[in-house]
């Protein structure tokens, strides 16, 4: 038997505020994650909190590759830190850290290839 949970936008705002006990994370107009969002990501203590906060600060789909690379780097670091704190989810958090790190590395390789091609 599976259960489905539906979270409304007002519920989500409440959850975001409760996750780390500080303000609402956000995204700048140009798609860059703001400093408060980074502070929130740095304060998570469980894998579920990490998922919730990182989803909330996820850049828009049309954000620049540099913004996505920075988001994936922040995500990888957040999950690596959670792996050491939330020991019950250690291996799962390590998986997510490695996955997000690979995505950041892939974007970096593509960006470096674009720089080489333009020179």
Protein backbone atom coordinates (compact mmCIF):
# COMPACT_ATOMS: atom_id res chain seq x y z
CA UNK A 1 0.00 0.00 0.00
CA UNK A 2 1.45 3.34 -0.99
CA UNK A 3 0.60 6.74 0.38
CA UNK A 4 0.68 9.93 -1.59
CA UNK A 5 1.25 13.24 0.13
CA UNK A 6 0.16 16.43 -1.58
CA UNK A 7 1.87 19.60 -0.39
CA UNK A 8 0.31 22.91 -1.32
CA UNK A 9 2.38 26.05 -1.93
CA UNK A 10 1.43 27.43 1.49
CA UNK A 11 2.44 24.14 3.14
CA UNK A 12 5.75 24.26 1.29
CA UNK A 13 6.44 27.79 2.50
CA UNK A 14 5.83 26.62 6.08
CA UNK A 15 8.13 23.63 5.58
CA UNK A 16 10.91 25.79 4.15
CA UNK A 17 10.72 28.08 7.15
CA UNK A 18 10.88 25.17 9.57
CA UNK A 19 13.68 23.23 7.88
CA UNK A 20 16.55 25.31 9.17
CA UNK A 21 14.77 27.81 11.34
CA UNK A 22 15.77 30.80 9.25
CA UNK A 23 14.21 32.84 6.45
CA UNK A 24 12.88 31.65 3.16
CA UNK A 25 15.51 30.68 0.62
CA UNK A 26 15.26 32.36 -2.74
CA UNK A 27 16.63 32.92 -6.17
CA UNK A 28 17.86 36.20 -7.58
CA UNK A 29 16.21 37.54 -10.71
CA UNK A 30 19.10 36.37 -12.90
CA UNK A 31 18.74 32.84 -11.51
CA UNK A 32 21.61 32.83 -9.03
CA UNK A 33 20.96 31.37 -5.62
CA UNK A 34 21.09 34.09 -2.98
CA UNK A 35 23.22 34.02 0.16
CA UNK A 36 20.32 33.25 2.50
CA UNK A 37 19.58 30.14 0.46
CA UNK A 38 23.21 29.08 0.87
CA UNK A 39 22.99 29.63 4.60
CA UNK A 40 19.90 27.43 4.72
CA UNK A 41 21.65 24.67 2.75
CA UNK A 42 24.58 24.88 5.17
CA UNK A 43 22.33 24.36 8.20
CA UNK A 44 20.45 21.22 7.20
CA UNK A 45 21.01 18.19 9.42
CA UNK A 46 19.02 15.40 7.77
CA UNK A 47 18.74 13.97 4.28
CA UNK A 48 15.08 15.00 4.08
CA UNK A 49 15.96 18.57 5.02
CA UNK A 50 18.66 18.58 2.35
CA UNK A 51 16.23 17.40 -0.30
CA UNK A 52 13.65 20.00 0.75
CA UNK A 53 16.04 22.95 0.89
CA UNK A 54 17.94 22.07 -2.28
CA UNK A 55 14.67 21.69 -4.17
CA UNK A 56 13.57 25.10 -2.89
CA UNK A 57 16.76 26.82 -4.08
CA UNK A 58 16.96 24.97 -7.40
CA UNK A 59 17.65 27.43 -10.23
CA UNK A 60 15.12 27.93 -13.01
CA UNK A 61 15.46 25.60 -16.01
CA UNK A 62 16.77 28.45 -18.17
CA UNK A 63 19.53 29.49 -15.73
CA UNK A 64 23.04 29.75 -17.13
CA UNK A 65 25.36 26.72 -17.02
CA UNK A 66 27.52 28.52 -14.45
CA UNK A 67 24.53 28.92 -12.13
CA UNK A 68 23.67 25.22 -12.51
CA UNK A 69 27.30 24.23 -11.91
CA UNK A 70 27.38 26.28 -8.71
CA UNK A 71 24.04 24.79 -7.60
CA UNK A 72 25.31 21.24 -8.15
CA UNK A 73 28.55 22.02 -6.28
CA UNK A 74 26.55 23.41 -3.35
CA UNK A 75 24.27 20.36 -3.46
CA UNK A 76 27.23 17.96 -3.48
CA UNK A 77 28.78 19.70 -0.48
CA UNK A 78 25.46 19.76 1.39
CA UNK A 79 24.85 16.04 0.86
CA UNK A 80 28.45 15.19 1.83
CA UNK A 81 28.01 17.12 5.09
CA UNK A 82 24.64 15.45 5.75
CA UNK A 83 26.25 12.03 5.20
CA UNK A 84 28.40 12.67 8.26
CA UNK A 85 25.55 14.02 10.41
CA UNK A 86 22.54 11.88 9.44
CA UNK A 87 24.27 8.53 9.92
CA UNK A 88 21.09 6.56 9.27
CA UNK A 89 21.16 7.88 5.70
CA UNK A 90 24.95 7.95 5.29
CA UNK A 91 25.19 5.88 2.11
CA UNK A 92 22.18 7.49 0.45
CA UNK A 93 23.54 10.98 1.17
CA UNK A 94 26.92 9.93 -0.25
CA UNK A 95 25.16 8.72 -3.40
CA UNK A 96 23.47 12.11 -3.79
CA UNK A 97 26.73 13.95 -3.13
CA UNK A 98 28.55 11.96 -5.80
CA UNK A 99 25.65 12.34 -8.27
CA UNK A 100 25.51 16.12 -7.85
CA UNK A 101 29.31 16.35 -8.04
CA UNK A 102 29.29 14.44 -11.34
CA UNK A 103 26.71 16.86 -12.74
CA UNK A 104 28.87 19.84 -11.71
CA UNK A 105 31.94 18.22 -13.27
CA UNK A 106 30.06 17.54 -16.51
CA UNK A 107 29.01 21.18 -16.79
CA UNK A 108 32.58 22.30 -16.04
CA UNK A 109 33.90 20.06 -18.83
CA UNK A 110 31.34 21.48 -21.26
CA UNK A 111 32.17 25.05 -20.25
CA UNK A 112 35.91 24.38 -20.66
CA UNK A 113 35.22 22.88 -24.09
CA UNK A 114 33.29 25.99 -25.09
CA UNK A 115 36.19 28.21 -23.96
CA UNK A 116 38.68 26.12 -25.95
CA UNK A 117 36.51 26.26 -29.08
CA UNK A 118 36.19 30.05 -28.89
CA UNK A 119 39.97 30.61 -28.59
